[in-house]
PDB file of N, CA and C in Angstrom:
ATOM      1  N   MET A   1       0.840  -1.180   0.000  1.00  0.00           N
ATOM      2  CA  MET A   1       0.010  -0.012  -0.018  1.00  0.00           C
ATOM      3  C   MET A   1       0.895   1.257  -0.023  1.00  0.00           C
ATOM      4  N   GLN A   2       0.510   2.212  -0.748  1.00  0.00           N
ATOM      5  CA  GLN A   2       1.328   3.432  -0.910  1.00  0.00           C
ATOM      6  C   GLN A   2       1.147   4.397   0.231  1.00  0.00           C
ATOM      7  N   ASN A   3       0.048   4.486   0.883  1.00  0.00           N
ATOM      8  CA  ASN A   3      -0.220   5.479   1.895  1.00  0.00           C
ATOM      9  C   ASN A   3      -0.044   4.970   3.303  1.00  0.00           C
ATOM     10  N   MET A   4       1.002   4.183   3.558  1.00  0.00           N
ATOM     11  CA  MET A   4       1.264   3.634   4.875  1.00  0.00           C
ATOM     12  C   MET A   4       2.152   4.396   5.738  1.00  0.00           C
ATOM     13  N   ILE A   5       2.475   5.659   5.377  1.00  0.00           N
ATOM     14  CA  ILE A   5       3.329   6.535   6.200  1.00  0.00           C
ATOM     15  C   ILE A   5       2.637   6.774   7.529  1.00  0.00           C
ATOM     16  N   ASN A   6       3.346   6.628   8.590  1.00  0.00           N
ATOM     17  CA  ASN A   6       2.842   6.835   9.980  1.00  0.00           C
ATOM     18  C   ASN A   6       1.814   5.795  10.408  1.00  0.00           C
ATOM     19  N   THR A   7       1.668   4.704   9.637  1.00  0.00           N
ATOM     20  CA  THR A   7       0.760   3.644  10.081  1.00  0.00           C
ATOM     21  C   THR A   7       1.378   2.875  11.196  1.00  0.00           C
ATOM     22  N   VAL A   8       0.648   2.725  12.261  1.00  0.00           N
ATOM     23  CA  VAL A   8       1.164   1.922  13.414  1.00  0.00           C
ATOM     24  C   VAL A   8       0.550   0.577  13.514  1.00  0.00           C
ATOM     25  N   LEU A   9      -0.510   0.337  12.785  1.00  0.00           N
ATOM     26  CA  LEU A   9      -1.184  -0.967  12.824  1.00  0.00           C
ATOM     27  C   LEU A   9      -1.865  -1.216  11.548  1.00  0.00           C
ATOM     28  N   TYR A  10      -1.657  -2.386  10.963  1.00  0.00           N
ATOM     29  CA  TYR A  10      -2.359  -2.779   9.749  1.00  0.00           C
ATOM     30  C   TYR A  10      -3.021  -4.130  10.069  1.00  0.00           C
ATOM     31  N   LEU A  11      -4.329  -4.120  10.051  1.00  0.00           N
ATOM     32  CA  LEU A  11      -5.082  -5.349  10.378  1.00  0.00           C
ATOM     33  C   LEU A  11      -5.284  -6.256   9.163  1.00  0.00           C
ATOM     34  N   ARG A  12      -4.996  -7.477   9.323  1.00  0.00           N
ATOM     35  CA  ARG A  12      -5.243  -8.477   8.294  1.00  0.00           C
ATOM     36  C   ARG A  12      -5.874  -9.693   8.984  1.00  0.00           C
ATOM     37  N   CYS A  13      -6.721 -10.365   8.228  1.00  0.00           N
ATOM     38  CA  CYS A  13      -7.247 -11.655   8.700  1.00  0.00           C
ATOM     39  C   CYS A  13      -6.128 -12.681   8.683  1.00  0.00           C
ATOM     40  N   LYS A  14      -5.882 -13.289   9.771  1.00  0.00           N
ATOM     41  CA  LYS A  14      -4.829 -14.307   9.893  1.00  0.00           C
ATOM     42  C   LYS A  14      -5.047 -15.488   8.896  1.00  0.00           C
ATOM     43  N   LYS A  15      -6.306 -15.888   8.811  1.00  0.00           N
ATOM     44  CA  LYS A  15      -6.641 -16.987   7.901  1.00  0.00           C
ATOM     45  C   LYS A  15      -6.421 -16.607   6.426  1.00  0.00           C
ATOM     46  N   CYS A  16      -6.805 -15.389   6.076  1.00  0.00           N
ATOM     47  CA  CYS A  16      -6.570 -14.915   4.704  1.00  0.00           C
ATOM     48  C   CYS A  16      -5.097 -14.916   4.398  1.00  0.00           C
ATOM     49  N   LYS A  17      -4.312 -14.446   5.336  1.00  0.00           N
ATOM     50  CA  LYS A  17      -2.856 -14.358   5.085  1.00  0.00           C
ATOM     51  C   LYS A  17      -2.265 -15.781   4.928  1.00  0.00           C
ATOM     52  N   GLU A  18      -2.745 -16.710   5.709  1.00  0.00           N
ATOM     53  CA  GLU A  18      -2.229 -18.088   5.639  1.00  0.00           C
ATOM     54  C   GLU A  18      -2.679 -18.818   4.373  1.00  0.00           C
ATOM     55  N   GLU A  19      -3.900 -18.518   3.888  1.00  0.00           N
ATOM     56  CA  GLU A  19      -4.506 -19.284   2.766  1.00  0.00           C
ATOM     57  C   GLU A  19      -4.271 -18.674   1.410  1.00  0.00           C
ATOM     58  N   LYS A  20      -3.894 -17.426   1.356  1.00  0.00           N
ATOM     59  CA  LYS A  20      -3.793 -16.771   0.027  1.00  0.00           C
ATOM     60  C   LYS A  20      -2.798 -17.435  -0.850  1.00  0.00           C
ATOM     61  N   PRO A  21      -3.070 -17.513  -2.157  1.00  0.00           N
ATOM     62  CA  PRO A  21      -2.074 -18.074  -3.130  1.00  0.00           C
ATOM     63  C   PRO A  21      -0.861 -17.128  -3.218  1.00  0.00           C
ATOM     64  N   PRO A  22       0.328 -17.683  -3.400  1.00  0.00           N
ATOM     65  CA  PRO A  22       1.527 -16.857  -3.402  1.00  0.00           C
ATOM     66  C   PRO A  22       1.544 -15.789  -4.510  1.00  0.00           C
ATOM     67  N   GLU A  23       0.844 -16.005  -5.586  1.00  0.00           N
ATOM     68  CA  GLU A  23       0.836 -15.028  -6.619  1.00  0.00           C
ATOM     69  C   GLU A  23      -0.137 -13.845  -6.450  1.00  0.00           C
ATOM     70  N   VAL A  24      -0.894 -13.905  -5.376  1.00  0.00           N
ATOM     71  CA  VAL A  24      -1.892 -12.899  -5.086  1.00  0.00           C
ATOM     72  C   VAL A  24      -1.486 -12.066  -3.856  1.00  0.00           C
ATOM     73  N   SER A  25      -1.595 -10.767  -3.930  1.00  0.00           N
ATOM     74  CA  SER A  25      -1.279  -9.950  -2.731  1.00  0.00           C
ATOM     75  C   SER A  25      -2.410 -10.098  -1.658  1.00  0.00           C
ATOM     76  N   ILE A  26      -2.015  -9.838  -0.457  1.00  0.00           N
ATOM     77  CA  ILE A  26      -3.036  -9.910   0.626  1.00  0.00           C
ATOM     78  C   ILE A  26      -4.115  -8.854   0.393  1.00  0.00           C
ATOM     79  N   GLU A  27      -3.742  -7.672  -0.150  1.00  0.00           N
ATOM     80  CA  GLU A  27      -4.713  -6.653  -0.408  1.00  0.00           C
ATOM     81  C   GLU A  27      -5.749  -7.098  -1.414  1.00  0.00           C
ATOM     82  N   ASP A  28      -5.345  -7.899  -2.388  1.00  0.00           N
ATOM     83  CA  ASP A  28      -6.283  -8.390  -3.413  1.00  0.00           C
ATOM     84  C   ASP A  28      -7.108  -9.564  -2.908  1.00  0.00           C
ATOM     85  N   TYR A  29      -6.489 -10.339  -1.982  1.00  0.00           N
ATOM     86  CA  TYR A  29      -7.173 -11.586  -1.513  1.00  0.00           C
ATOM     87  C   TYR A  29      -8.152 -11.309  -0.381  1.00  0.00           C
ATOM     88  N   ALA A  30      -7.806 -10.408   0.503  1.00  0.00           N
ATOM     89  CA  ALA A  30      -8.628 -10.171   1.688  1.00  0.00           C
ATOM     90  C   ALA A  30      -9.974  -9.556   1.332  1.00  0.00           C
ATOM     91  N   ARG A  31     -10.946  -9.868   2.085  1.00  0.00           N
ATOM     92  CA  ARG A  31     -12.314  -9.310   1.887  1.00  0.00           C
ATOM     93  C   ARG A  31     -12.836  -8.740   3.207  1.00  0.00           C
ATOM     94  N   LEU A  32     -12.452  -7.514   3.539  1.00  0.00           N
ATOM     95  CA  LEU A  32     -12.771  -6.907   4.786  1.00  0.00           C
ATOM     96  C   LEU A  32     -13.874  -5.858   4.631  1.00  0.00           C
ATOM     97  N   GLU A  33     -14.737  -5.749   5.627  1.00  0.00           N
ATOM     98  CA  GLU A  33     -15.699  -4.683   5.670  1.00  0.00           C
ATOM     99  C   GLU A  33     -15.650  -4.103   7.046  1.00  0.00           C
ATOM    100  N   ILE A  34     -15.932  -2.807   7.104  1.00  0.00           N
ATOM    101  CA  ILE A  34     -15.923  -2.082   8.377  1.00  0.00           C
ATOM    102  C   ILE A  34     -17.376  -1.630   8.633  1.00  0.00           C
ATOM    103  N   PHE A  35     -17.839  -1.911   9.816  1.00  0.00           N
ATOM    104  CA  PHE A  35     -19.152  -1.504  10.231  1.00  0.00           C
ATOM    105  C   PHE A  35     -19.038  -0.642  11.456  1.00  0.00           C
ATOM    106  N   PHE A  36     -19.840   0.456  11.497  1.00  0.00           N
ATOM    107  CA  PHE A  36     -19.880   1.172  12.734  1.00  0.00           C
ATOM    108  C   PHE A  36     -21.230   1.732  12.983  1.00  0.00           C
ATOM    109  N   SER A  37     -21.568   1.826  14.288  1.00  0.00           N
ATOM    110  CA  SER A  37     -22.788   2.354  14.813  1.00  0.00           C
ATOM    111  C   SER A  37     -22.392   3.494  15.762  1.00  0.00           C
ATOM    112  N   GLN A  38     -23.339   4.013  16.502  1.00  0.00           N
ATOM    113  CA  GLN A  38     -23.076   5.062  17.469  1.00  0.00           C
ATOM    114  C   GLN A  38     -22.233   4.518  18.638  1.00  0.00           C
ATOM    115  N   SER A  39     -22.125   3.204  18.775  1.00  0.00           N
ATOM    116  CA  SER A  39     -21.415   2.663  19.945  1.00  0.00           C
ATOM    117  C   SER A  39     -20.232   1.729  19.624  1.00  0.00           C
ATOM    118  N   GLN A  40     -20.189   1.240  18.363  1.00  0.00           N
ATOM    119  CA  GLN A  40     -19.122   0.263  18.077  1.00  0.00           C
ATOM    120  C   GLN A  40     -18.596   0.453  16.633  1.00  0.00           C
ATOM    121  N   LEU A  41     -17.328   0.038  16.477  1.00  0.00           N
ATOM    122  CA  LEU A  41     -16.702  -0.133  15.213  1.00  0.00           C
ATOM    123  C   LEU A  41     -16.237  -1.548  15.104  1.00  0.00           C
ATOM    124  N   LYS A  42     -16.582  -2.263  14.008  1.00  0.00           N
ATOM    125  CA  LYS A  42     -16.162  -3.649  13.807  1.00  0.00           C
ATOM    126  C   LYS A  42     -15.470  -3.763  12.486  1.00  0.00           C
ATOM    127  N   ILE A  43     -14.428  -4.509  12.462  1.00  0.00           N
ATOM    128  CA  ILE A  43     -13.740  -4.892  11.199  1.00  0.00           C
ATOM    129  C   ILE A  43     -13.988  -6.405  11.040  1.00  0.00           C
ATOM    130  N   HIS A  44     -14.560  -6.762   9.944  1.00  0.00           N
ATOM    131  CA  HIS A  44     -15.068  -8.138   9.731  1.00  0.00           C
ATOM    132  C   HIS A  44     -14.489  -8.692   8.440  1.00  0.00           C
ATOM    133  N   CYS A  45     -14.043  -9.962   8.466  1.00  0.00           N
ATOM    134  CA  CYS A  45     -13.583 -10.707   7.318  1.00  0.00           C
ATOM    135  C   CYS A  45     -14.765 -11.420   6.673  1.00  0.00           C
ATOM    136  N   LEU A  46     -15.123 -11.003   5.462  1.00  0.00           N
ATOM    137  CA  LEU A  46     -16.207 -11.630   4.752  1.00  0.00           C
ATOM    138  C   LEU A  46     -15.873 -13.022   4.274  1.00  0.00           C
ATOM    139  N   ARG A  47     -14.608 -13.224   3.899  1.00  0.00           N
ATOM    140  CA  ARG A  47     -14.204 -14.523   3.369  1.00  0.00           C
ATOM    141  C   ARG A  47     -14.354 -15.599   4.403  1.00  0.00           C
ATOM    142  N   HIS A  48     -14.010 -15.270   5.684  1.00  0.00           N
ATOM    143  CA  HIS A  48     -14.047 -16.276   6.760  1.00  0.00           C
ATOM    144  C   HIS A  48     -15.187 -16.029   7.738  1.00  0.00           C
ATOM    145  N   ASP A  49     -16.041 -15.002   7.494  1.00  0.00           N
ATOM    146  CA  ASP A  49     -17.174 -14.720   8.333  1.00  0.00           C
ATOM    147  C   ASP A  49     -16.770 -14.618   9.799  1.00  0.00           C
ATOM    148  N   THR A  50     -15.768 -13.794  10.055  1.00  0.00           N
ATOM    149  CA  THR A  50     -15.339 -13.596  11.443  1.00  0.00           C
ATOM    150  C   THR A  50     -14.991 -12.118  11.703  1.00  0.00           C
ATOM    151  N   THR A  51     -15.256 -11.724  12.926  1.00  0.00           N
ATOM    152  CA  THR A  51     -14.914 -10.366  13.286  1.00  0.00           C
ATOM    153  C   THR A  51     -13.458 -10.278  13.794  1.00  0.00           C
ATOM    154  N   LEU A  52     -12.742  -9.371  13.203  1.00  0.00           N
ATOM    155  CA  LEU A  52     -11.284  -9.258  13.567  1.00  0.00           C
ATOM    156  C   LEU A  52     -11.084  -8.416  14.802  1.00  0.00           C
ATOM    157  N   ILE A  53     -11.910  -7.313  14.913  1.00  0.00           N
ATOM    158  CA  ILE A  53     -11.772  -6.446  16.039  1.00  0.00           C
ATOM    159  C   ILE A  53     -13.067  -5.684  16.252  1.00  0.00           C
ATOM    160  N   THR A  54     -13.397  -5.437  17.495  1.00  0.00           N
ATOM    161  CA  THR A  54     -14.549  -4.623  17.822  1.00  0.00           C
ATOM    162  C   THR A  54     -14.030  -3.518  18.776  1.00  0.00           C
ATOM    163  N   ILE A  55     -14.337  -2.255  18.467  1.00  0.00           N
ATOM    164  CA  ILE A  55     -13.883  -1.111  19.274  1.00  0.00           C
ATOM    165  C   ILE A  55     -15.108  -0.434  19.899  1.00  0.00           C
ATOM    166  N   ASP A  56     -15.109  -0.214  21.152  1.00  0.00           N
ATOM    167  CA  ASP A  56     -16.201   0.503  21.837  1.00  0.00           C
ATOM    168  C   ASP A  56     -16.005   1.975  21.632  1.00  0.00           C
ATOM    169  N   LEU A  57     -16.938   2.593  20.851  1.00  0.00           N
ATOM    170  CA  LEU A  57     -16.804   4.022  20.548  1.00  0.00           C
ATOM    171  C   LEU A  57     -17.436   4.901  21.656  1.00  0.00           C
ATOM    172  N   LYS A  58     -18.239   4.368  22.496  1.00  0.00           N
ATOM    173  CA  LYS A  58     -18.872   5.131  23.563  1.00  0.00           C
ATOM    174  C   LYS A  58     -17.735   5.698  24.522  1.00  0.00           C
ATOM    175  N   ALA A  59     -16.629   4.966  24.603  1.00  0.00           N
ATOM    176  CA  ALA A  59     -15.592   5.376  25.525  1.00  0.00           C
ATOM    177  C   ALA A  59     -14.843   6.580  25.064  1.00  0.00           C
ATOM    178  N   ASP A  60     -14.890   6.943  23.735  1.00  0.00           N
ATOM    179  CA  ASP A  60     -14.062   8.064  23.209  1.00  0.00           C
ATOM    180  C   ASP A  60     -14.854   8.748  22.105  1.00  0.00           C
ATOM    181  N   GLN A  61     -15.470   9.863  22.415  1.00  0.00           N
ATOM    182  CA  GLN A  61     -16.241  10.620  21.394  1.00  0.00           C
ATOM    183  C   GLN A  61     -15.316  11.142  20.316  1.00  0.00           C
ATOM    184  N   ASP A  62     -14.108  11.450  20.558  1.00  0.00           N
ATOM    185  CA  ASP A  62     -13.171  11.933  19.556  1.00  0.00           C
ATOM    186  C   ASP A  62     -12.978  10.948  18.438  1.00  0.00           C
ATOM    187  N   VAL A  63     -12.907   9.650  18.760  1.00  0.00           N
ATOM    188  CA  VAL A  63     -12.766   8.619  17.781  1.00  0.00           C
ATOM    189  C   VAL A  63     -13.986   8.590  16.858  1.00  0.00           C
ATOM    190  N   LEU A  64     -15.154   8.677  17.442  1.00  0.00           N
ATOM    191  CA  LEU A  64     -16.369   8.681  16.663  1.00  0.00           C
ATOM    192  C   LEU A  64     -16.428   9.880  15.723  1.00  0.00           C
ATOM    193  N   ASP A  65     -16.098  11.045  16.234  1.00  0.00           N
ATOM    194  CA  ASP A  65     -16.026  12.272  15.422  1.00  0.00           C
ATOM    195  C   ASP A  65     -15.089  12.156  14.236  1.00  0.00           C
ATOM    196  N   LYS A  66     -13.913  11.540  14.471  1.00  0.00           N
ATOM    197  CA  LYS A  66     -12.986  11.358  13.392  1.00  0.00           C
ATOM    198  C   LYS A  66     -13.497  10.379  12.334  1.00  0.00           C
ATOM    199  N   LEU A  67     -14.190   9.338  12.750  1.00  0.00           N
ATOM    200  CA  LEU A  67     -14.734   8.382  11.810  1.00  0.00           C
ATOM    201  C   LEU A  67     -15.740   9.038  10.833  1.00  0.00           C
ATOM    202  N   PHE A  68     -16.549   9.908  11.400  1.00  0.00           N
ATOM    203  CA  PHE A  68     -17.578  10.564  10.605  1.00  0.00           C
ATOM    204  C   PHE A  68     -16.964  11.671   9.702  1.00  0.00           C
ATOM    205  N   SER A  69     -15.720  12.055   9.963  1.00  0.00           N
ATOM    206  CA  SER A  69     -15.093  13.118   9.111  1.00  0.00           C
ATOM    207  C   SER A  69     -14.252  12.591   8.015  1.00  0.00           C
ATOM    208  N   PHE A  70     -14.073  11.276   7.885  1.00  0.00           N
ATOM    209  CA  PHE A  70     -13.259  10.727   6.786  1.00  0.00           C
ATOM    210  C   PHE A  70     -13.886  11.022   5.479  1.00  0.00           C
ATOM    211  N   LYS A  71     -13.098  11.368   4.474  1.00  0.00           N
ATOM    212  CA  LYS A  71     -13.626  11.773   3.145  1.00  0.00           C
ATOM    213  C   LYS A  71     -13.435  10.628   2.104  1.00  0.00           C
ATOM    214  N   ASN A  72     -12.467   9.733   2.274  1.00  0.00           N
ATOM    215  CA  ASN A  72     -12.117   8.822   1.220  1.00  0.00           C
ATOM    216  C   ASN A  72     -12.716   7.466   1.364  1.00  0.00           C
ATOM    217  N   TRP A  73     -13.910   7.373   1.784  1.00  0.00           N
ATOM    218  CA  TRP A  73     -14.599   6.096   1.858  1.00  0.00           C
ATOM    219  C   TRP A  73     -16.035   6.225   1.432  1.00  0.00           C
ATOM    220  N   GLN A  74     -16.643   5.132   1.122  1.00  0.00           N
ATOM    221  CA  GLN A  74     -18.069   5.171   0.697  1.00  0.00           C
ATOM    222  C   GLN A  74     -18.835   4.510   1.833  1.00  0.00           C
ATOM    223  N   ALA A  75     -19.634   5.292   2.450  1.00  0.00           N
ATOM    224  CA  ALA A  75     -20.508   4.784   3.554  1.00  0.00           C
ATOM    225  C   ALA A  75     -21.820   4.354   2.962  1.00  0.00           C
ATOM    226  N   GLU A  76     -22.335   3.197   3.371  1.00  0.00           N
ATOM    227  CA  GLU A  76     -23.616   2.727   2.912  1.00  0.00           C
ATOM    228  C   GLU A  76     -24.374   2.215   4.115  1.00  0.00           C
ATOM    229  N   SER A  77     -25.656   2.374   4.119  1.00  0.00           N
ATOM    230  CA  SER A  77     -26.527   1.752   5.123  1.00  0.00           C
ATOM    231  C   SER A  77     -26.594   0.285   4.819  1.00  0.00           C
ATOM    232  N   PRO A  78     -26.662  -0.552   5.866  1.00  0.00           N
ATOM    233  CA  PRO A  78     -26.761  -2.007   5.634  1.00  0.00           C
ATOM    234  C   PRO A  78     -28.082  -2.362   4.979  1.00  0.00           C
ATOM    235  N   VAL A  79     -28.030  -3.361   4.149  1.00  0.00           N
ATOM    236  CA  VAL A  79     -29.208  -3.845   3.476  1.00  0.00           C
ATOM    237  C   VAL A  79     -29.768  -4.998   4.351  1.00  0.00           C
ATOM    238  N   LEU A  80     -30.931  -4.892   4.819  1.00  0.00           N
ATOM    239  CA  LEU A  80     -31.518  -5.943   5.658  1.00  0.00           C
ATOM    240  C   LEU A  80     -32.319  -6.873   4.841  1.00  0.00           C
ATOM    241  N   HIS A  81     -32.074  -8.209   4.991  1.00  0.00           N
ATOM    242  CA  HIS A  81     -32.744  -9.211   4.259  1.00  0.00           C
ATOM    243  C   HIS A  81     -33.815  -9.874   5.058  1.00  0.00           C
TER     244      HIS A  81
END
């Protein structure tokens, strides 16, 4: 990834990293989604249907404010089936 300057943590699904074919980058192989509500942020691996991390946002309003200020992502409401 080109914009990793000052990055202190890069989350990857352990299973994706172990299972990916050698000719494919982890960025191309991984299938992550980020979900957040007023109280939580979750990073979820779609390929393995597992939650990698859950962060309690109620503990820090500054974190929540920063999440809502990001400009380079596409936020979508969940589709309920």
